[in-house]
Structures are given as structure tokens and as C-alpha cells.
Amino acid sequence: MKIRLKLSQTETILIGILIAILISTLIPTTAIAGKYRTIEAHLQHKTQPWSQVLNSRGYPCGCGATAWTIVFGYWKEYHGKSRLLEGGESALSKHMNEIAKTMGTTYGTFKGEKWGRTMPRKMLKASKYITKRGYKCSINRVRGTEFNKFWKVKKALDHNRPVIILINNPQKPLTSLHYPVIEKAELKQKKVLGKWRNRDVRYFVNMQGSLYKWIWVREVGRNTHKHTGSFSMFFSSIH
């Protein structure tokens, strides 16, 4: 003899909840919480804390020219490219302004404050400064997702090559763009269903003028740090 039980809607819901609770108790806590790891890369040495210098008209040379000077200083010091910046620190002003002129840096005034600005596409013209000193080189501008850019940055840092990043800097007059130099990079990943998933990207950068700090360019979910816009990366290879 078969006995059929007719359950009310409420009873059906309660049974479903109990089954869900039972299943959840059988799943290991670590599987729910997930596991994290951090992938890191860094230069072998620190970059120089150089600041923008003024040209003959009293305008700053621009953060783009300063960033390249910092990068060339690193190539000189740790890769033997001594002709990039000849004459020591006393000649830095000359070199920065020459780099700015080579790239077509423009100048202006905003609320009484003078500025120098180099557009991203013109940053590539720094290659002319390099070849003028007898070296061969390639300078590449990379855009795309923060995860894709991270892996390219990691490869450059692993080869001890500094990278310039274009970010937004609202404290600068007229333009929000700024060119720091990356010294370290970190990518945080979480293991989900047996696979590592990318989550957060941050860089330790030389902001110029003795200011070094971490900036976050990507966080999954709600940002827990001040977010910095990241637009382009500039990679250099000099030989």
C-alpha cells in the first residue's frame, strides 16, 4: 500500500531550506571562502627622485620629460647606457628640456600657474633623443585592460626595465594627466572553482620630487582604496 503525503507550500519551503543548510554543512569552509595569492614584480633598484626643471622662459619642462629622464637615468646607472645623460646631475636641466623639446611639449598658464604638458602620443618621440645618442631603441605605448597591462609590466620589471604609467592627477592645473614611473607591481588573485581569478592591481610608483607611493588601478567589487585612473603604459628597450 502506497502512502502519499500532501505538503503545504509552507512545508515545502521549509524542507527546501533544511536541505540547503544540510548541503552547506558538507562543503568545506575553505571552498566557500576561497584562497588568495599575490603575484609580484619589482625593479632591482630604486629610481631617482628627480623633479621638473624650468626652461629658459620659466615654464616647467613637464612630467612627461621628467619621467623619461628618470627612466634614462636608470638605464644609464644599471644597464650601462651612459650617453643617455652625460654630465651628471648638474646637466639634468639641459637633458630634461631637450627631451621636452624633442617630444613637442606645450606650455601655458592656468590661474597664474605655469605648466608644461606632453600628450601621450608624443611621448613616443623620446626615441629620437635616444637614437641621437647612438643607441637603438623601441618605445611602445600599451593600452587595454588593467590585467593585460599588468602582465606586460611584470615582464618589464622582471627584466629590470622601469615603465612609465599615465594616470589622472586632479591636483595638477588644467590637465589631470601625470606620468609616474613604476618600480613595483602586484596582482591579487582568488581561487574560484579550482582556477585563479584576477582581482586587484596596484603599483608602487615614483611620482617625481621624492614622492613614492602605492596606487590602486583595479579592484574587484567595491573599491577599498582610493582609485587611480590608468590609461597608458610606456615601455622602453635600449641597446
Protein backbone atom coordinates (compact mmCIF):
# COMPACT_ATOMS: atom_id res chain seq x y z
CA MET A 1 0.00 0.00 0.00
CA LYS A 2 1.40 3.41 -1.00
CA ILE A 3 1.04 6.39 1.26
CA ARG A 4 1.02 9.82 -0.37
CA LEU A 5 1.68 12.89 1.73
CA LYS A 6 0.34 16.21 0.58
CA LEU A 7 2.59 19.04 1.77
CA SER A 8 1.54 22.62 2.10
CA GLN A 9 3.52 25.35 0.33
CA THR A 10 5.00 26.46 3.65
CA GLU A 11 6.13 22.94 4.47
CA THR A 12 7.73 22.58 1.04
CA ILE A 13 9.71 25.80 1.53
CA LEU A 14 10.86 24.71 4.99
CA ILE A 15 12.08 21.36 3.66
CA GLY A 16 13.98 23.16 0.87
CA ILE A 17 15.69 25.40 3.43
CA LEU A 18 16.68 22.42 5.57
CA ILE A 19 18.15 20.61 2.55
CA ALA A 20 20.16 23.74 1.62
CA ILE A 21 21.52 24.02 5.17
CA LEU A 22 22.47 20.34 5.15
CA ILE A 23 24.32 20.67 1.84
CA SER A 24 26.18 23.78 3.01
CA THR A 25 27.49 21.94 6.08
CA LEU A 26 29.04 19.33 3.81
CA ILE A 27 31.05 21.92 1.80
CA PRO A 28 34.48 22.74 3.29
CA THR A 29 34.77 26.28 4.61
CA THR A 30 37.90 26.91 2.52
CA ALA A 31 35.96 26.23 -0.67
CA ILE A 32 33.46 28.94 0.22
CA ALA A 33 35.97 31.50 1.44
CA GLY A 34 38.40 30.88 -1.39
CA LYS A 35 42.18 31.19 -1.37
CA TYR A 36 44.21 34.24 -2.34
CA ARG A 37 47.68 34.80 -3.74
CA THR A 38 49.69 37.82 -4.84
CA ILE A 39 51.88 37.89 -7.95
CA GLU A 40 54.70 40.41 -7.62
CA ALA A 41 57.41 42.05 -9.68
CA HIS A 42 59.88 44.84 -8.92
CA LEU A 43 62.94 46.67 -10.19
CA GLN A 44 66.26 45.67 -8.72
CA HIS A 45 66.96 49.27 -7.61
CA LYS A 46 65.13 52.49 -6.82
CA THR A 47 64.68 55.21 -9.40
CA GLN A 48 65.89 58.77 -8.91
CA PRO A 49 63.58 61.26 -7.08
CA TRP A 50 64.01 63.97 -9.71
CA SER A 51 61.58 66.87 -10.16
CA GLN A 52 60.58 69.01 -13.12
CA VAL A 53 63.01 71.80 -14.01
CA LEU A 54 62.22 75.15 -15.60
CA ASN A 55 63.05 76.15 -19.15
CA SER A 56 64.50 79.49 -20.22
CA ARG A 57 61.02 81.09 -20.14
CA GLY A 58 60.27 79.91 -16.63
CA TYR A 59 57.90 77.09 -17.59
CA PRO A 60 58.27 73.59 -16.08
CA CYS A 61 59.56 71.05 -18.58
CA GLY A 62 56.57 68.76 -17.93
CA CYS A 63 56.14 65.49 -16.06
CA GLY A 64 56.49 63.51 -19.31
CA ALA A 65 60.04 64.75 -19.92
CA THR A 66 60.84 64.24 -16.24
CA ALA A 67 59.56 60.66 -16.35
CA TRP A 68 61.75 59.84 -19.34
CA THR A 69 64.76 61.45 -17.65
CA ILE A 70 64.17 59.19 -14.62
CA VAL A 71 63.90 56.16 -16.90
CA PHE A 72 67.04 57.11 -18.85
CA GLY A 73 68.86 57.65 -15.57
CA TYR A 74 68.01 54.08 -14.62
CA TRP A 75 69.18 52.76 -17.98
CA LYS A 76 72.41 54.70 -17.55
CA GLU A 77 73.07 53.54 -13.98
CA TYR A 78 72.05 49.88 -14.22
CA HIS A 79 72.24 49.00 -17.93
CA GLY A 80 75.40 50.86 -18.89
CA LYS A 81 73.78 53.39 -21.29
CA SER A 82 75.99 56.25 -20.09
CA ARG A 83 75.50 58.52 -23.12
CA LEU A 84 71.80 58.98 -22.32
CA LEU A 85 72.55 61.50 -19.55
CA GLU A 86 76.07 62.80 -19.79
CA GLY A 87 77.43 65.36 -17.37
CA GLY A 88 75.90 64.14 -14.11
CA GLU A 89 73.08 65.80 -12.16
CA SER A 90 74.39 69.26 -12.99
CA ALA A 91 73.30 68.65 -16.60
CA LEU A 92 69.81 67.33 -15.76
CA SER A 93 68.10 70.62 -16.61
CA LYS A 94 69.67 70.59 -20.06
CA HIS A 95 68.63 66.99 -20.71
CA MET A 96 65.06 67.39 -19.43
CA ASN A 97 64.42 70.44 -21.56
CA GLU A 98 65.95 68.77 -24.60
CA ILE A 99 63.67 65.75 -24.12
CA ALA A 100 60.66 68.07 -23.74
CA LYS A 101 61.58 69.92 -26.94
CA THR A 102 62.09 66.65 -28.82
CA MET A 103 58.61 65.47 -27.82
CA GLY A 104 56.91 68.76 -28.65
CA THR A 105 55.86 69.58 -25.09
CA THR A 106 53.47 72.55 -24.96
CA TYR A 107 53.29 75.28 -22.30
CA GLY A 108 50.68 77.54 -20.80
CA THR A 109 49.34 79.19 -17.67
CA PHE A 110 46.29 78.32 -15.58
CA LYS A 111 45.18 80.59 -12.72
CA GLY A 112 48.61 82.15 -12.64
CA GLU A 113 50.46 78.83 -12.51
CA LYS A 114 52.67 77.80 -15.41
CA TRP A 115 52.59 74.25 -16.76
CA GLY A 116 54.21 72.00 -19.35
CA ARG A 117 52.23 69.21 -20.98
CA THR A 118 53.19 66.29 -23.22
CA MET A 119 50.38 64.44 -24.99
CA PRO A 120 50.53 60.63 -24.78
CA ARG A 121 51.14 60.07 -28.49
CA LYS A 122 54.12 62.44 -28.34
CA MET A 123 55.75 60.51 -25.52
CA LEU A 124 56.90 58.04 -28.19
CA LYS A 125 59.09 60.74 -29.74
CA ALA A 126 61.54 60.30 -26.87
CA SER A 127 63.06 57.64 -29.13
CA LYS A 128 64.62 60.48 -31.18
CA TYR A 129 66.53 61.62 -28.10
CA ILE A 130 67.85 58.06 -27.63
CA THR A 131 68.95 57.49 -31.23
CA LYS A 132 70.65 60.90 -31.28
CA ARG A 133 72.99 59.49 -28.62
CA GLY A 134 73.93 56.50 -30.72
CA TYR A 135 71.64 53.82 -29.30
CA LYS A 136 68.97 51.71 -30.94
CA CYS A 137 65.65 51.52 -29.15
CA SER A 138 61.98 50.71 -29.21
CA ILE A 139 59.32 52.58 -27.25
CA ASN A 140 55.84 51.12 -27.12
CA ARG A 141 52.59 52.54 -25.81
CA VAL A 142 50.24 49.88 -24.44
CA ARG A 143 46.57 50.30 -23.57
CA GLY A 144 43.85 47.80 -22.72
CA THR A 145 42.57 46.12 -19.58
CA GLU A 146 44.42 46.54 -16.30
CA PHE A 147 45.04 42.80 -16.11
CA ASN A 148 46.62 42.64 -19.57
CA LYS A 149 48.77 45.68 -18.83
CA PHE A 150 49.89 44.16 -15.53
CA TRP A 151 51.45 41.11 -17.20
CA LYS A 152 53.39 43.35 -19.60
CA VAL A 153 54.58 45.50 -16.69
CA LYS A 154 55.63 42.39 -14.78
CA LYS A 155 57.69 41.18 -17.72
CA ALA A 156 59.44 44.56 -17.99
CA LEU A 157 60.19 44.75 -14.26
CA ASP A 158 61.45 41.17 -14.28
CA HIS A 159 63.97 42.35 -16.89
CA ASN A 160 64.85 45.34 -14.67
CA ARG A 161 63.24 47.89 -17.01
CA PRO A 162 61.20 50.75 -15.49
CA VAL A 163 57.81 51.54 -17.01
CA ILE A 164 56.01 54.88 -17.29
CA ILE A 165 52.28 54.90 -16.48
CA LEU A 166 49.83 57.62 -17.49
CA ILE A 167 47.38 58.34 -14.68
CA ASN A 168 44.93 61.04 -13.67
CA ASN A 169 46.12 63.57 -11.11
CA PRO A 170 43.35 66.09 -10.29
CA GLN A 171 45.76 68.24 -8.26
CA LYS A 172 47.61 69.35 -11.40
CA PRO A 173 46.43 72.55 -13.10
CA LEU A 174 44.50 72.47 -16.38
CA THR A 175 45.15 68.80 -17.07
CA SER A 176 44.54 65.80 -14.83
CA LEU A 177 47.25 63.70 -16.50
CA HIS A 178 50.53 62.71 -14.85
CA TYR A 179 53.40 60.35 -15.73
CA PRO A 180 54.84 58.42 -12.73
CA VAL A 181 57.45 55.65 -13.09
CA ILE A 182 56.57 52.14 -11.92
CA GLU A 183 59.00 50.39 -9.57
CA LYS A 184 56.83 47.54 -8.25
CA ALA A 185 53.68 45.75 -9.39
CA GLU A 186 51.24 43.45 -7.60
CA LEU A 187 48.28 41.42 -8.83
CA LYS A 188 45.96 39.80 -6.29
CA GLN A 189 44.14 36.63 -7.37
CA LYS A 190 41.43 34.46 -5.81
CA LYS A 191 40.95 30.75 -6.41
CA VAL A 192 37.41 30.03 -7.57
CA LEU A 193 36.30 26.52 -8.57
CA GLY A 194 39.91 25.44 -8.92
CA LYS A 195 41.01 28.38 -11.10
CA TRP A 196 42.86 31.56 -10.19
CA ARG A 197 40.82 34.67 -10.97
CA ASN A 198 42.35 38.15 -11.28
CA ARG A 199 41.08 40.69 -8.74
CA ASP A 200 43.18 43.70 -7.75
CA VAL A 201 46.11 45.52 -9.40
CA ARG A 202 48.36 48.07 -7.71
CA TYR A 203 51.70 49.72 -8.48
CA PHE A 204 54.41 51.33 -6.38
CA VAL A 205 55.39 54.43 -8.33
CA ASN A 206 57.85 57.29 -8.36
CA MET A 207 55.53 60.30 -8.52
CA GLN A 208 58.56 62.61 -9.00
CA GLY A 209 60.03 65.01 -6.48
CA SER A 210 60.83 62.45 -3.73
CA LEU A 211 57.23 61.19 -3.58
CA TYR A 212 56.87 57.40 -3.81
CA LYS A 213 53.58 55.61 -3.11
CA TRP A 214 51.25 52.74 -3.94
CA ILE A 215 48.36 53.41 -6.33
CA TRP A 216 45.40 51.09 -6.98
CA VAL A 217 44.19 50.92 -10.59
CA ARG A 218 41.82 47.94 -10.33
CA GLU A 219 39.77 46.35 -7.55
CA VAL A 220 37.05 43.75 -7.95
CA GLY A 221 33.82 44.74 -6.26
CA ARG A 222 33.73 47.81 -4.04
CA ASN A 223 36.92 49.90 -4.01
CA THR A 224 38.56 49.83 -0.58
CA HIS A 225 41.36 52.20 -1.63
CA LYS A 226 41.48 55.49 -3.50
CA HIS A 227 41.17 54.56 -7.16
CA THR A 228 43.65 55.95 -9.70
CA GLY A 229 42.74 56.05 -13.38
CA SER A 230 45.28 54.26 -15.57
CA PHE A 231 45.29 54.99 -19.30
CA SER A 232 48.57 54.01 -20.99
CA MET A 233 51.89 52.32 -20.29
CA PHE A 234 55.15 53.26 -21.99
CA PHE A 235 57.79 50.53 -22.35
CA SER A 236 61.37 51.11 -23.46
CA SER A 237 64.11 48.83 -24.71
CA ILE A 238 67.52 50.40 -25.37
CA HIS A 239 70.53 48.64 -26.89
